[in-house]
Amino acid sequence: MPRGSRGPMTEYGRGAGSEPWHPEDPLYGDQGWGAQQAASGQQAPYGGHEQQPQQQYQQQPQQQYYPQQPQDPYASQPQYAEQQLQQGYAEQPQQGYPQPQYADQYAAQPQQYNGSGGWDTATGQQAAMPYAGQQPDPYNNGYADEGHDLYSTPEAYPPPQPPGQRTAPAVPEVPEQGGEWDAEPQEESHPFFTGADDGEREDDDPRESRRGTGGGGRDRRGKTKKKGKSGRACLVLAVVFAVGVGGVGYVGYDFYQKKFGAAPDYVGEGSSETVTVEIPTGAGGSEIGQLLKQAGVVKSIDAFVQAQNDDPKGKTIQAGAYTMKKGMSAANAVKLMLNPSSRNSLIIPEGKRNSWVYGEIDTRLGLRPGTTKDIALKNAGSMGLPDWAKGHKNVKDPLEGFLYPASYPVAKGMKPEDVLKKMVNRASSEYGKQDLAAEAKKLNLDGPWQLITVASLVQAEGKTHDDFRKMAEVVYNRLKPDNTQTNQKLQFDSAYNYLTGKSNIKIGLAEINSNPDPYNTYKWRGLTPGPIGNPGTDALAAALNPTGDGWMYFVATDGEKKTEFAKTLTEFNKLKDEFNAQSGQ
């Protein structure tokens, strides 16, 4: 089979004959384009047209052309063929297709015919070829009879150019119907930049044609969007980016300052203006720093916490009221709080009576003696006492037993009632940790009030913690109805001293028997009307859990340091004689 031709086709295709080589054929171009056209000096078959090499278009399928029947190459019609050729290139595209760019190119340049169907060496253009008497092609639906030029339709390949000038034709812009060509570049059509959502996207223009550098993918182009939307989108992106960068920068700076920057702090020992700061029990460095900052003592919490950590004794700051200076450096604030002179705390020892507490408050607040006592007796009902501690008869001080032994801030500028309320609240909190009503019932007592009264007696008569449980048993044994030794009388000197406001150990029988005060346990049976002091934790625990050894008597044989206990009157008299011998009586 000769090179460049194909074998016979079936009855549905072309018969034997030659067909131009395809550009992708490896043997294409062996003898050059001009050599194949001019060497024979004959016109090309199929109506005087040389089958041109196929241009390779991107994304476009191959167009299939049905062949024409062989025609007489000598039936010359030069004038008609040239006119048809020029009209095919110069006329406007039909059926709404845009005019191809190459049509203007070939219409503007005159074609030269050299009589051989080759290229004119003077102009570089292919010479026009006459259309010989064309015969109808049964495969092209009669287009040959109508003189239809295949190069004049949008579906046709563009006419070939000389080998040295072959370039892929530029894809022209698709104009709006009835409008002009848009010389501006195609804008981004993504809905983010155009401002349109999925429901606002415009359909593709049906007038768009297939063109490109390849074989025929459709260049789908939407209608041109307004430039303002794209500009706004860019502006939004710029603002978002700027805000993001600023936010990241601020967070980074804040993190650096907190992690590595020095905390704000005052300089020096502060001003002459003083302020009292109350530090509650169990407060840590951050809480103390916050209280100091609120009072204007230190500039920042972090500075105080750092200064407290730097001082070896910084963690030993105790609860209480401190007289501080405003505008102090954190280090000087820590140093002053560690100095006992700045601490204005009142520590109530276990067993102290309310009279002693009132005097201490007056002294620390700079008040006239008796001021705090008058306020306590007048406002006892509004101090926060529990219900079971109210309304008892013959009680000398309703707050007795409720100024709980502990440390309290007391400094100038504070009100006595505020100090007392703190003490009562502390007592109520401690007493509320146990079901005193149920415990009192077990011990045959009339409620929590009597239980606190027993604890105050134990606290007053006991000398050491080891004595408390024995002393509690003595109280309960003497209160028993079957007690025939003391006839249910407690006979405690501490109770008599309370009613007199003294602390005498030696009390004469004549004095004791002549005093009718309800707190005189030598004269009256049972418990005193109320507590005679403020019991501590150990005394209350002993009152709740006394011994069961049968103790009925006790004697302080070594003054206030040692207490001896006895179960019978005989044992008690023996201990009493030993005590008198030691004291020289």
Protein backbone atom coordinates (compact mmCIF):
# COMPACT_ATOMS: atom_id res chain seq x y z
CA MET A 1 0.00 0.00 0.00
CA PRO A 2 1.51 3.39 -0.96
CA ARG A 3 2.57 5.66 1.88
CA GLY A 4 -0.01 8.24 2.86
CA SER A 5 -2.99 6.30 1.56
CA ARG A 6 -5.38 3.86 3.05
CA GLY A 7 -6.74 0.58 1.76
CA PRO A 8 -10.19 0.06 0.33
CA MET A 9 -13.03 0.83 2.73
CA THR A 10 -16.35 -0.98 3.07
CA GLU A 11 -19.45 -0.09 1.19
CA TYR A 12 -20.14 2.52 3.84
CA GLY A 13 -16.91 4.43 3.34
CA ARG A 14 -14.49 5.81 0.75
CA GLY A 15 -13.09 3.65 -1.95
CA ALA A 16 -9.49 3.25 -2.95
CA GLY A 17 -7.66 6.48 -3.26
CA SER A 18 -5.12 8.66 -1.53
CA GLU A 19 -5.74 10.62 1.67
CA PRO A 20 -3.53 13.31 3.16
CA TRP A 21 -1.18 12.34 5.89
CA HIS A 22 -2.18 13.26 9.39
CA PRO A 23 0.21 15.62 11.28
CA GLU A 24 0.70 12.98 13.95
CA ASP A 25 1.90 10.48 11.35
CA PRO A 26 5.62 9.90 11.99
CA LEU A 27 6.25 10.04 8.21
CA TYR A 28 4.46 13.36 7.87
CA GLY A 29 6.69 16.10 6.37
CA ASP A 30 9.39 13.81 4.93
CA GLN A 31 9.45 15.66 1.60
CA GLY A 32 8.25 19.08 2.82
CA TRP A 33 4.96 20.77 2.24
CA GLY A 34 6.00 22.58 -0.93
CA ALA A 35 7.45 19.47 -2.48
CA GLN A 36 4.16 17.61 -2.22
CA GLN A 37 2.17 20.50 -3.65
CA ALA A 38 4.37 21.73 -6.50
CA ALA A 39 6.23 18.63 -7.63
CA SER A 40 3.35 17.01 -9.46
CA GLY A 41 2.07 20.23 -11.02
CA GLN A 42 -1.43 18.82 -10.78
CA GLN A 43 -4.47 19.92 -8.87
CA ALA A 44 -5.45 18.10 -5.76
CA PRO A 45 -8.30 15.65 -6.02
CA TYR A 46 -11.73 16.11 -4.49
CA GLY A 47 -12.84 19.29 -6.18
CA GLY A 48 -9.52 21.05 -6.36
CA HIS A 49 -8.92 21.18 -2.60
CA GLU A 50 -5.91 19.64 -1.04
CA GLN A 51 -6.93 17.89 2.17
CA GLN A 52 -5.14 20.02 4.77
CA PRO A 53 -3.31 18.68 7.80
CA GLN A 54 -5.48 18.69 10.82
CA GLN A 55 -4.71 21.31 13.42
CA GLN A 56 -4.57 19.93 16.94
CA TYR A 57 -7.15 21.61 19.17
CA GLN A 58 -7.30 21.15 22.89
CA GLN A 59 -10.27 19.32 24.43
CA GLN A 60 -12.20 19.12 21.09
CA PRO A 61 -13.15 15.91 19.36
CA GLN A 62 -12.15 15.27 15.77
CA GLN A 63 -14.62 16.43 13.16
CA GLN A 64 -15.53 13.78 10.63
CA TYR A 65 -16.05 14.91 7.08
CA TYR A 66 -17.68 12.76 4.49
CA PRO A 67 -15.62 12.65 1.29
CA GLN A 68 -16.71 14.11 -1.98
CA GLN A 69 -16.86 12.16 -5.17
CA PRO A 70 -13.86 12.64 -7.46
CA GLN A 71 -14.37 15.51 -9.85
CA ASP A 72 -12.87 16.54 -13.15
CA PRO A 73 -9.74 18.52 -12.40
CA TYR A 74 -9.89 20.10 -15.83
CA ALA A 75 -13.39 21.51 -15.53
CA SER A 76 -12.04 24.90 -14.61
CA GLN A 77 -14.23 27.56 -13.05
CA PRO A 78 -11.56 29.99 -11.75
CA GLN A 79 -13.68 33.06 -11.38
CA TYR A 80 -16.48 31.34 -9.56
CA ALA A 81 -14.09 29.38 -7.36
CA GLU A 82 -12.13 32.45 -6.37
CA GLN A 83 -15.30 34.32 -5.53
CA GLN A 84 -16.56 31.44 -3.45
CA LEU A 85 -13.24 31.12 -1.69
CA GLN A 86 -13.10 34.77 -0.71
CA GLN A 87 -16.71 34.82 0.33
CA GLY A 88 -16.12 31.76 2.43
CA TYR A 89 -13.43 33.57 4.36
CA ALA A 90 -14.84 37.08 4.48
CA GLU A 91 -18.53 36.59 5.11
CA GLN A 92 -19.92 36.81 8.61
CA PRO A 93 -20.57 33.58 10.50
CA GLN A 94 -24.09 32.29 10.22
CA GLN A 95 -26.57 31.25 12.86
CA GLY A 96 -25.31 33.59 15.55
CA TYR A 97 -21.74 32.28 15.73
CA PRO A 98 -19.07 34.89 16.23
CA GLN A 99 -16.82 35.73 13.31
CA PRO A 100 -13.58 33.78 13.56
CA GLN A 101 -10.41 35.78 13.75
CA TYR A 102 -8.82 34.03 10.84
CA ALA A 103 -11.71 35.12 8.56
CA ASP A 104 -10.59 38.74 8.89
CA GLN A 105 -7.02 37.72 8.24
CA TYR A 106 -7.71 35.96 4.99
CA ALA A 107 -10.35 38.38 3.80
CA ALA A 108 -8.00 41.35 4.20
CA GLN A 109 -5.17 39.81 2.18
CA PRO A 110 -5.58 39.10 -1.57
CA GLN A 111 -5.05 35.53 -2.57
CA GLN A 112 -2.65 34.64 -5.30
CA TYR A 113 -3.23 31.70 -7.51
CA ASN A 114 -0.26 30.12 -9.12
CA GLY A 115 -2.22 27.69 -11.11
CA SER A 116 -0.90 24.65 -9.33
CA GLY A 117 -2.81 24.75 -6.05
CA GLY A 118 0.40 25.45 -4.04
CA TRP A 119 1.65 28.41 -2.09
CA ASP A 120 2.58 31.69 -3.76
CA THR A 121 6.20 32.36 -2.93
CA ALA A 122 5.73 36.09 -3.25
CA THR A 123 2.88 36.52 -0.77
CA GLY A 124 3.31 33.46 1.43
CA GLN A 125 -0.38 32.56 0.99
CA GLN A 126 -1.97 29.55 -0.53
CA ALA A 127 -3.27 30.11 -3.98
CA ALA A 128 -6.96 29.86 -4.60
CA MET A 129 -8.06 26.69 -6.22
CA PRO A 130 -10.88 26.50 -8.70
CA TYR A 131 -13.88 24.42 -7.97
CA ALA A 132 -14.28 21.94 -10.73
CA GLY A 133 -17.56 20.55 -11.69
CA GLN A 134 -18.50 19.10 -8.44
CA GLN A 135 -20.64 16.03 -8.22
CA PRO A 136 -23.07 15.52 -5.37
CA ASP A 137 -21.60 13.56 -2.52
CA PRO A 138 -24.06 11.08 -1.15
CA TYR A 139 -22.52 11.43 2.31
CA ASN A 140 -22.68 15.20 2.79
CA ASN A 141 -26.42 15.73 2.48
CA GLY A 142 -26.19 17.64 -0.77
CA TYR A 143 -23.90 20.44 0.33
CA ALA A 144 -21.70 20.02 -2.71
CA ASP A 145 -24.63 20.76 -5.02
CA GLU A 146 -25.20 24.00 -3.22
CA GLY A 147 -21.56 25.04 -3.55
CA HIS A 148 -21.15 25.01 0.18
CA ASP A 149 -17.60 25.76 1.24
CA LEU A 150 -16.57 23.66 4.24
CA TYR A 151 -14.17 26.39 5.37
CA SER A 152 -16.95 28.95 5.69
CA THR A 153 -18.69 27.23 8.61
CA PRO A 154 -17.74 27.55 12.26
CA GLU A 155 -17.31 23.80 12.51
CA ALA A 156 -14.58 23.76 9.83
CA TYR A 157 -10.85 23.69 10.46
CA PRO A 158 -9.10 26.97 9.64
CA PRO A 159 -7.26 27.06 6.30
CA PRO A 160 -3.67 25.92 6.52
CA GLN A 161 -0.81 28.33 6.64
CA PRO A 162 2.72 27.96 5.27
CA PRO A 163 4.91 25.62 7.25
CA GLY A 164 7.04 28.47 8.52
CA GLN A 165 4.09 30.50 9.75
CA ARG A 166 2.01 27.88 11.50
CA THR A 167 0.85 29.04 14.89
CA ALA A 168 -2.15 28.21 16.93
CA PRO A 169 -4.84 30.82 16.28
CA ALA A 170 -5.73 32.99 19.26
CA VAL A 171 -9.08 32.36 20.87
CA PRO A 172 -11.23 35.45 20.34
CA GLU A 173 -13.37 36.89 23.09
CA VAL A 174 -17.07 36.09 22.84
CA PRO A 175 -19.08 39.33 22.58
CA GLU A 176 -22.50 39.89 24.08
CA GLN A 177 -25.32 39.46 21.58
CA GLY A 178 -25.64 42.74 19.74
CA GLY A 179 -22.75 44.24 21.73
CA GLU A 180 -19.11 45.00 21.20
CA TRP A 181 -16.04 42.97 22.02
CA ASP A 182 -14.90 43.26 25.63
CA ALA A 183 -11.23 44.16 25.56
CA GLU A 184 -10.85 43.71 29.31
CA PRO A 185 -9.60 40.41 30.79
CA GLN A 186 -12.18 37.93 32.02
CA GLU A 187 -12.92 38.47 35.70
CA GLU A 188 -13.09 35.81 38.34
CA SER A 189 -16.53 34.22 38.26
CA HIS A 190 -16.37 32.35 41.62
CA PRO A 191 -19.35 33.34 43.80
CA PHE A 192 -17.04 34.40 46.65
CA PHE A 193 -15.52 37.19 44.48
CA THR A 194 -18.68 38.08 42.55
CA GLY A 195 -20.83 38.26 45.63
CA ALA A 196 -23.42 35.88 44.17
CA ASP A 197 -24.50 32.70 45.82
CA ASP A 198 -25.44 29.50 44.12
CA GLY A 199 -28.90 30.75 43.43
CA GLU A 200 -27.65 33.92 41.73
CA ARG A 201 -25.26 32.38 39.22
CA GLU A 202 -26.14 33.16 35.63
CA ASP A 203 -26.52 30.44 33.04
CA ASP A 204 -23.95 30.02 30.33
CA ASP A 205 -24.61 32.05 27.23
CA PRO A 206 -25.99 29.68 24.59
CA ARG A 207 -24.26 31.77 21.92
CA GLU A 208 -20.84 30.73 23.02
CA SER A 209 -18.94 28.63 20.50
CA ARG A 210 -16.33 26.00 20.75
CA ARG A 211 -12.91 27.25 20.05
CA GLY A 212 -9.40 27.04 21.47
CA THR A 213 -5.99 25.75 20.72
CA GLY A 214 -7.06 22.15 20.88
CA GLY A 215 -9.69 20.13 19.18
CA GLY A 216 -12.94 21.56 20.44
CA GLY A 217 -13.84 21.80 24.12
CA ARG A 218 -16.57 24.39 24.64
CA ASP A 219 -15.25 27.58 26.22
CA ARG A 220 -18.02 28.12 28.78
CA ARG A 221 -18.09 31.73 29.82
CA GLY A 222 -20.64 33.38 32.07
CA LYS A 223 -21.80 36.90 31.70
CA THR A 224 -19.27 39.48 32.79
CA LYS A 225 -19.70 40.46 36.44
CA LYS A 226 -19.33 43.95 37.71
CA LYS A 227 -15.90 44.85 38.89
CA GLY A 228 -17.19 46.45 42.08
CA LYS A 229 -18.03 43.07 43.60
CA SER A 230 -14.53 41.78 43.04
CA GLY A 231 -13.09 44.90 44.59
CA ARG A 232 -15.30 44.58 47.64
CA ALA A 233 -14.30 40.95 48.04
CA CYS A 234 -10.63 41.92 47.98
CA LEU A 235 -11.30 44.66 50.51
CA VAL A 236 -13.07 42.21 52.80
CA LEU A 237 -10.15 39.80 52.52
CA ALA A 238 -7.72 42.59 53.33
CA VAL A 239 -9.72 43.67 56.39
CA VAL A 240 -10.05 40.10 57.65
CA PHE A 241 -6.34 39.53 57.16
CA ALA A 242 -5.47 42.75 58.98
CA VAL A 243 -7.76 41.92 61.89
CA GLY A 244 -6.34 38.40 62.10
CA VAL A 245 -2.77 39.65 62.11
CA GLY A 246 -3.62 42.28 64.72
CA GLY A 247 -5.37 39.74 66.92
CA VAL A 248 -2.49 37.30 66.73
CA GLY A 249 -0.07 40.10 67.54
CA TYR A 250 -2.06 41.23 70.56
CA VAL A 251 -2.42 37.71 71.91
CA GLY A 252 1.27 37.12 71.44
CA TYR A 253 2.18 40.37 73.19
CA ASP A 254 -0.22 39.67 76.06
CA PHE A 255 1.17 36.16 76.44
CA TYR A 256 4.73 37.49 76.44
CA GLN A 257 3.91 40.12 79.06
CA LYS A 258 2.21 37.59 81.32
CA LYS A 259 4.90 34.98 80.84
CA PHE A 260 8.06 37.01 80.69
CA GLY A 261 7.21 40.67 81.36
CA ALA A 262 7.68 42.23 84.80
CA ALA A 263 4.46 42.73 86.76
CA PRO A 264 3.45 46.35 87.48
CA ASP A 265 4.73 47.46 90.87
CA TYR A 266 5.16 50.55 93.01
CA VAL A 267 8.54 51.77 94.20
CA GLY A 268 9.47 52.53 97.80
CA GLU A 269 7.90 52.10 101.23
CA GLY A 270 4.65 53.86 100.40
CA SER A 271 3.01 57.11 101.38
CA SER A 272 2.09 58.41 104.82
CA GLU A 273 -1.56 57.41 104.31
CA THR A 274 -2.37 54.18 106.11
CA VAL A 275 -5.13 51.66 105.60
CA THR A 276 -6.25 48.56 107.47
CA VAL A 277 -6.43 45.35 105.43
CA GLU A 278 -8.15 42.30 106.88
CA ILE A 279 -6.72 38.95 105.81
CA PRO A 280 -9.13 36.05 106.37
CA THR A 281 -8.13 32.63 107.64
CA GLY A 282 -6.67 30.35 104.98
CA ALA A 283 -6.06 33.12 102.43
CA GLY A 284 -3.34 32.39 99.86
CA GLY A 285 -0.96 34.69 98.06
CA SER A 286 -3.36 35.59 95.22
CA GLU A 287 -6.20 36.42 97.61
CA ILE A 288 -3.93 38.50 99.84
CA GLY A 289 -2.55 40.30 96.80
CA GLN A 290 -6.07 41.05 95.58
CA LEU A 291 -7.07 42.55 98.97
CA LEU A 292 -3.92 44.66 99.04
CA LYS A 293 -4.50 45.87 95.48
CA GLN A 294 -8.10 46.83 96.24
CA ALA A 295 -6.90 48.83 99.25
CA GLY A 296 -4.28 50.63 97.11
CA VAL A 297 -1.31 49.08 98.90
CA VAL A 298 0.27 47.25 95.95
CA LYS A 299 -0.06 47.90 92.23
CA SER A 300 -0.70 44.35 91.02
CA ILE A 301 -1.49 40.91 92.34
CA ASP A 302 1.31 39.27 90.36
CA ALA A 303 3.90 41.60 91.87
CA PHE A 304 2.83 40.64 95.41
CA VAL A 305 2.75 36.90 94.65
CA GLN A 306 6.24 37.14 93.16
CA ALA A 307 7.54 39.07 96.18
CA GLN A 308 5.94 36.57 98.56
CA ASN A 309 7.62 33.68 96.72
CA ASP A 310 10.97 35.47 96.75
CA ASP A 311 10.88 35.96 100.55
CA PRO A 312 11.80 32.79 102.51
CA LYS A 313 9.15 33.59 105.15
CA GLY A 314 6.57 34.95 102.71
CA LYS A 315 4.27 31.96 103.09
CA THR A 316 4.01 32.44 106.88
CA ILE A 317 1.73 35.50 106.67
CA GLN A 318 -1.14 34.85 109.08
CA ALA A 319 -4.75 35.90 109.13
CA GLY A 320 -5.53 39.17 110.86
CA ALA A 321 -5.85 42.89 110.37
CA TYR A 322 -2.75 44.71 109.10
CA THR A 323 -2.02 48.40 109.11
CA MET A 324 -0.42 49.08 105.71
CA LYS A 325 0.73 52.09 103.72
CA LYS A 326 -0.67 52.96 100.34
CA GLY A 327 1.57 52.78 97.27
CA MET A 328 4.08 50.28 98.67
CA SER A 329 6.30 48.07 96.60
CA ALA A 330 5.28 44.44 96.79
CA ALA A 331 8.53 43.47 98.53
CA ASN A 332 8.05 46.12 101.24
CA ALA A 333 4.43 45.03 101.70
CA VAL A 334 5.50 41.44 102.35
CA LYS A 335 8.19 42.62 104.75
CA LEU A 336 5.73 44.78 106.74
CA MET A 337 3.15 41.99 107.00
CA LEU A 338 5.79 39.71 108.47
CA ASN A 339 6.45 42.30 111.19
CA PRO A 340 4.23 41.61 114.28
CA SER A 341 3.85 45.34 114.88
CA SER A 342 1.72 45.71 111.74
CA ARG A 343 -0.61 42.90 112.67
CA ASN A 344 -3.74 44.06 114.45
CA SER A 345 -5.28 40.74 115.43
CA LEU A 346 -7.06 39.85 118.61
CA ILE A 347 -6.44 36.29 119.74
CA ILE A 348 -9.06 34.96 122.12
CA PRO A 349 -7.63 32.18 124.32
CA GLU A 350 -9.79 29.19 125.26
CA GLY A 351 -11.93 29.71 128.32
CA LYS A 352 -11.74 33.53 128.34
CA ARG A 353 -14.91 35.29 129.48
CA ASN A 354 -16.71 37.84 127.35
CA SER A 355 -15.75 40.64 129.74
CA TRP A 356 -12.10 40.15 128.85
CA VAL A 357 -12.88 40.15 125.12
CA TYR A 358 -14.89 43.37 125.37
CA GLY A 359 -12.04 45.14 127.09
CA GLU A 360 -9.55 44.08 124.43
CA ILE A 361 -11.77 45.33 121.63
CA ASP A 362 -12.21 48.72 123.33
CA THR A 363 -8.45 49.07 123.72
CA ARG A 364 -7.60 48.15 120.10
CA LEU A 365 -10.31 50.33 118.62
CA GLY A 366 -9.48 53.25 120.90
CA LEU A 367 -12.95 53.29 122.44
CA ARG A 368 -14.13 54.28 125.89
CA PRO A 369 -14.06 51.27 128.30
CA GLY A 370 -17.41 49.50 128.38
CA THR A 371 -18.43 50.62 124.89
CA THR A 372 -18.23 47.19 123.31
CA LYS A 373 -20.03 45.51 126.25
CA ASP A 374 -22.93 47.95 126.02
CA ILE A 375 -23.26 47.30 122.29
CA ALA A 376 -23.11 43.51 122.82
CA LEU A 377 -25.86 43.46 125.47
CA LYS A 378 -28.04 45.89 123.53
CA ASN A 379 -27.74 44.23 120.11
CA ALA A 380 -27.29 40.58 121.13
CA GLY A 381 -30.35 39.49 119.15
CA SER A 382 -28.89 40.82 115.87
CA MET A 383 -25.43 39.34 116.23
CA GLY A 384 -26.22 36.05 114.51
CA LEU A 385 -26.94 33.73 117.45
CA PRO A 386 -28.68 30.45 116.60
CA ASP A 387 -32.29 30.11 117.70
CA TRP A 388 -31.47 27.62 120.43
CA ALA A 389 -29.21 30.21 122.10
CA LYS A 390 -31.95 32.82 122.53
CA GLY A 391 -34.55 33.48 125.26
CA HIS A 392 -32.93 31.84 128.30
CA LYS A 393 -33.66 33.22 131.77
CA ASN A 394 -31.24 34.75 134.23
CA VAL A 395 -28.45 34.86 131.63
CA LYS A 396 -25.93 37.57 132.44
CA ASP A 397 -24.57 37.81 128.87
CA PRO A 398 -26.42 36.28 125.91
CA LEU A 399 -23.16 36.22 123.89
CA GLU A 400 -21.24 34.29 126.56
CA GLY A 401 -19.87 31.12 125.04
CA PHE A 402 -20.24 32.50 121.48
CA LEU A 403 -17.10 34.64 121.18
CA TYR A 404 -15.25 31.64 119.85
CA PRO A 405 -11.55 31.29 120.76
CA ALA A 406 -9.59 32.19 117.60
CA SER A 407 -7.70 35.06 115.96
CA TYR A 408 -9.71 38.04 114.70
CA PRO A 409 -8.71 41.24 112.94
CA VAL A 410 -9.33 44.23 115.17
CA ALA A 411 -7.90 47.58 114.08
CA LYS A 412 -8.81 51.24 114.28
CA GLY A 413 -11.55 52.20 111.93
CA MET A 414 -13.50 49.00 112.49
CA LYS A 415 -16.85 48.91 114.30
CA PRO A 416 -17.32 46.85 117.52
CA GLU A 417 -20.48 45.21 116.21
CA ASP A 418 -18.65 44.03 113.08
CA VAL A 419 -15.94 42.44 115.20
CA LEU A 420 -18.47 40.72 117.45
CA LYS A 421 -20.45 39.39 114.52
CA LYS A 422 -17.35 37.68 113.17
CA MET A 423 -16.80 35.95 116.49
CA VAL A 424 -20.42 34.82 116.84
CA ASN A 425 -20.49 33.54 113.27
CA ARG A 426 -17.34 31.55 113.90
CA ALA A 427 -18.87 29.96 117.02
CA SER A 428 -22.10 29.11 115.22
CA SER A 429 -20.11 27.53 112.41
CA GLU A 430 -18.05 25.38 114.79
CA TYR A 431 -21.03 24.30 116.85
CA GLY A 432 -22.99 23.51 113.73
CA LYS A 433 -20.50 20.85 112.68
CA GLN A 434 -22.24 18.39 115.01
CA ASP A 435 -25.82 17.60 115.88
CA LEU A 436 -25.74 19.14 119.33
CA ALA A 437 -29.45 18.59 119.92
CA ALA A 438 -29.15 14.83 119.46
CA GLU A 439 -25.96 14.68 121.52
CA ALA A 440 -27.56 16.65 124.36
CA LYS A 441 -30.46 14.25 124.46
CA LYS A 442 -28.09 11.31 124.86
CA LEU A 443 -26.51 13.03 127.84
CA ASN A 444 -29.86 13.88 129.50
CA LEU A 445 -29.38 17.59 128.86
CA ASP A 446 -31.98 20.11 127.82
CA GLY A 447 -30.70 20.97 124.36
CA PRO A 448 -27.49 22.43 122.87
CA TRP A 449 -27.54 25.46 125.20
CA GLN A 450 -26.90 23.29 128.26
CA LEU A 451 -24.28 21.31 126.33
CA ILE A 452 -22.30 24.50 125.66
CA THR A 453 -22.73 25.42 129.32
CA VAL A 454 -21.19 22.09 130.40
CA ALA A 455 -18.30 22.63 127.99
CA SER A 456 -17.65 26.07 129.51
CA LEU A 457 -17.56 24.58 133.03
CA VAL A 458 -15.18 21.83 131.87
CA GLN A 459 -12.97 24.46 130.23
CA ALA A 460 -12.92 26.61 133.39
CA GLU A 461 -12.20 23.82 135.94
CA GLY A 462 -9.92 21.60 133.87
CA LYS A 463 -6.22 22.39 134.03
CA THR A 464 -4.98 20.26 131.17
CA HIS A 465 -6.53 18.55 128.18
CA ASP A 466 -6.21 15.24 129.98
CA ASP A 467 -8.50 16.58 132.73
CA PHE A 468 -11.35 17.56 130.42
CA ARG A 469 -13.05 14.18 130.01
CA LYS A 470 -12.81 13.38 133.76
CA MET A 471 -14.15 16.83 134.59
CA ALA A 472 -17.07 16.29 132.19
CA GLU A 473 -17.90 13.01 133.98
CA VAL A 474 -17.87 14.82 137.31
CA VAL A 475 -20.47 17.30 136.00
CA TYR A 476 -22.77 14.60 134.65
CA ASN A 477 -22.47 12.45 137.80
CA ARG A 478 -23.36 15.38 140.09
CA LEU A 479 -26.38 16.24 137.93
CA LYS A 480 -27.82 12.77 138.33
CA PRO A 481 -31.04 12.63 140.37
CA ASP A 482 -29.68 9.82 142.55
CA ASN A 483 -26.67 11.87 143.62
CA THR A 484 -26.90 11.93 147.42
CA GLN A 485 -23.32 13.08 148.03
CA THR A 486 -23.71 16.63 146.65
CA ASN A 487 -27.47 16.56 146.16
CA GLN A 488 -27.16 17.57 142.49
CA LYS A 489 -25.12 20.67 143.36
CA LEU A 490 -22.06 21.25 141.24
CA GLN A 491 -20.22 23.36 143.87
CA PHE A 492 -17.79 24.86 141.31
CA ASP A 493 -15.68 27.80 142.39
CA SER A 494 -15.35 28.87 138.75
CA ALA A 495 -19.11 29.54 138.60
CA TYR A 496 -19.03 31.71 141.70
CA ASN A 497 -16.02 33.61 140.40
CA TYR A 498 -17.93 34.28 137.18
CA LEU A 499 -20.80 35.95 138.97
CA THR A 500 -18.40 38.11 140.95
CA GLY A 501 -16.11 38.79 138.01
CA LYS A 502 -13.10 37.55 139.95
CA SER A 503 -10.74 34.59 139.83
CA ASN A 504 -10.20 33.67 143.48
CA ILE A 505 -9.36 30.17 144.45
CA LYS A 506 -10.06 30.63 148.13
CA ILE A 507 -13.70 31.43 148.79
CA GLY A 508 -15.11 31.47 152.34
CA LEU A 509 -18.14 29.33 153.17
CA ALA A 510 -19.96 32.29 154.71
CA GLU A 511 -19.66 34.30 151.49
CA ILE A 512 -20.71 31.40 149.32
CA ASN A 513 -23.76 30.51 151.38
CA SER A 514 -24.98 34.09 151.57
CA ASN A 515 -24.95 34.90 147.82
CA PRO A 516 -28.30 34.09 146.13
CA ASP A 517 -27.12 34.63 142.56
CA PRO A 518 -28.40 31.96 140.12
CA TYR A 519 -24.78 31.33 139.07
CA ASN A 520 -23.90 30.27 142.65
CA THR A 521 -23.64 26.48 142.27
CA TYR A 522 -23.03 26.07 145.98
CA LYS A 523 -26.53 27.32 146.67
CA TRP A 524 -28.47 26.14 143.61
CA ARG A 525 -28.78 22.74 142.04
CA GLY A 526 -28.01 22.02 138.44
CA LEU A 527 -26.19 24.00 135.82
CA THR A 528 -25.67 27.71 135.71
CA PRO A 529 -28.21 29.70 133.61
CA GLY A 530 -25.70 29.86 130.77
CA PRO A 531 -22.04 29.41 129.85
CA ILE A 532 -19.43 31.00 132.11
CA GLY A 533 -16.82 31.39 129.39
CA ASN A 534 -15.95 30.49 125.80
CA PRO A 535 -14.99 26.82 125.55
CA GLY A 536 -12.53 25.57 122.99
CA THR A 537 -12.67 22.56 120.74
CA ASP A 538 -11.17 20.12 123.24
CA ALA A 539 -13.55 21.12 126.04
CA LEU A 540 -16.56 20.68 123.75
CA ALA A 541 -15.29 17.29 122.62
CA ALA A 542 -14.88 16.21 126.26
CA ALA A 543 -18.41 17.34 127.08
CA LEU A 544 -19.68 15.17 124.23
CA ASN A 545 -17.58 12.16 125.27
CA PRO A 546 -16.93 12.00 129.05
CA THR A 547 -15.21 9.17 130.85
CA GLY A 548 -17.20 6.44 132.58
CA ASP A 549 -14.97 5.71 135.56
CA GLY A 550 -17.29 7.07 138.28
CA TRP A 551 -15.44 10.30 139.11
CA MET A 552 -17.37 12.48 141.55
CA TYR A 553 -14.79 14.79 143.19
CA PHE A 554 -11.66 16.72 142.23
CA VAL A 555 -9.07 18.83 144.02
CA ALA A 556 -6.38 21.12 142.62
CA THR A 557 -3.49 19.76 144.67
CA ASP A 558 -0.81 21.70 142.86
CA GLY A 559 -2.46 25.05 142.53
CA GLU A 560 -3.54 25.63 138.91
CA LYS A 561 -1.20 23.07 137.35
CA LYS A 562 -2.57 19.75 138.56
CA THR A 563 -5.99 18.31 139.40
CA GLU A 564 -6.64 15.15 141.40
CA PHE A 565 -9.91 13.19 141.01
CA ALA A 566 -11.77 11.00 143.47
CA LYS A 567 -14.81 8.74 143.33
CA THR A 568 -15.87 8.84 146.98
CA LEU A 569 -16.11 11.45 149.69
CA THR A 570 -13.39 9.66 151.70
CA GLU A 571 -10.93 9.88 148.84
CA PHE A 572 -11.87 13.50 148.35
CA ASN A 573 -11.19 14.42 152.02
CA LYS A 574 -7.79 12.75 151.83
CA LEU A 575 -6.86 14.79 148.76
CA LYS A 576 -8.11 17.93 150.47
CA ASP A 577 -5.89 17.33 153.51
CA GLU A 578 -2.85 16.89 151.28
CA PHE A 579 -3.64 20.16 149.53
CA ASN A 580 -3.96 22.06 152.84
CA ALA A 581 -0.65 20.59 154.05
CA GLN A 582 1.15 21.77 150.96
CA SER A 583 -0.34 25.28 151.17
CA GLY A 584 0.57 25.68 154.88
CA GLN A 585 -2.97 25.69 156.17
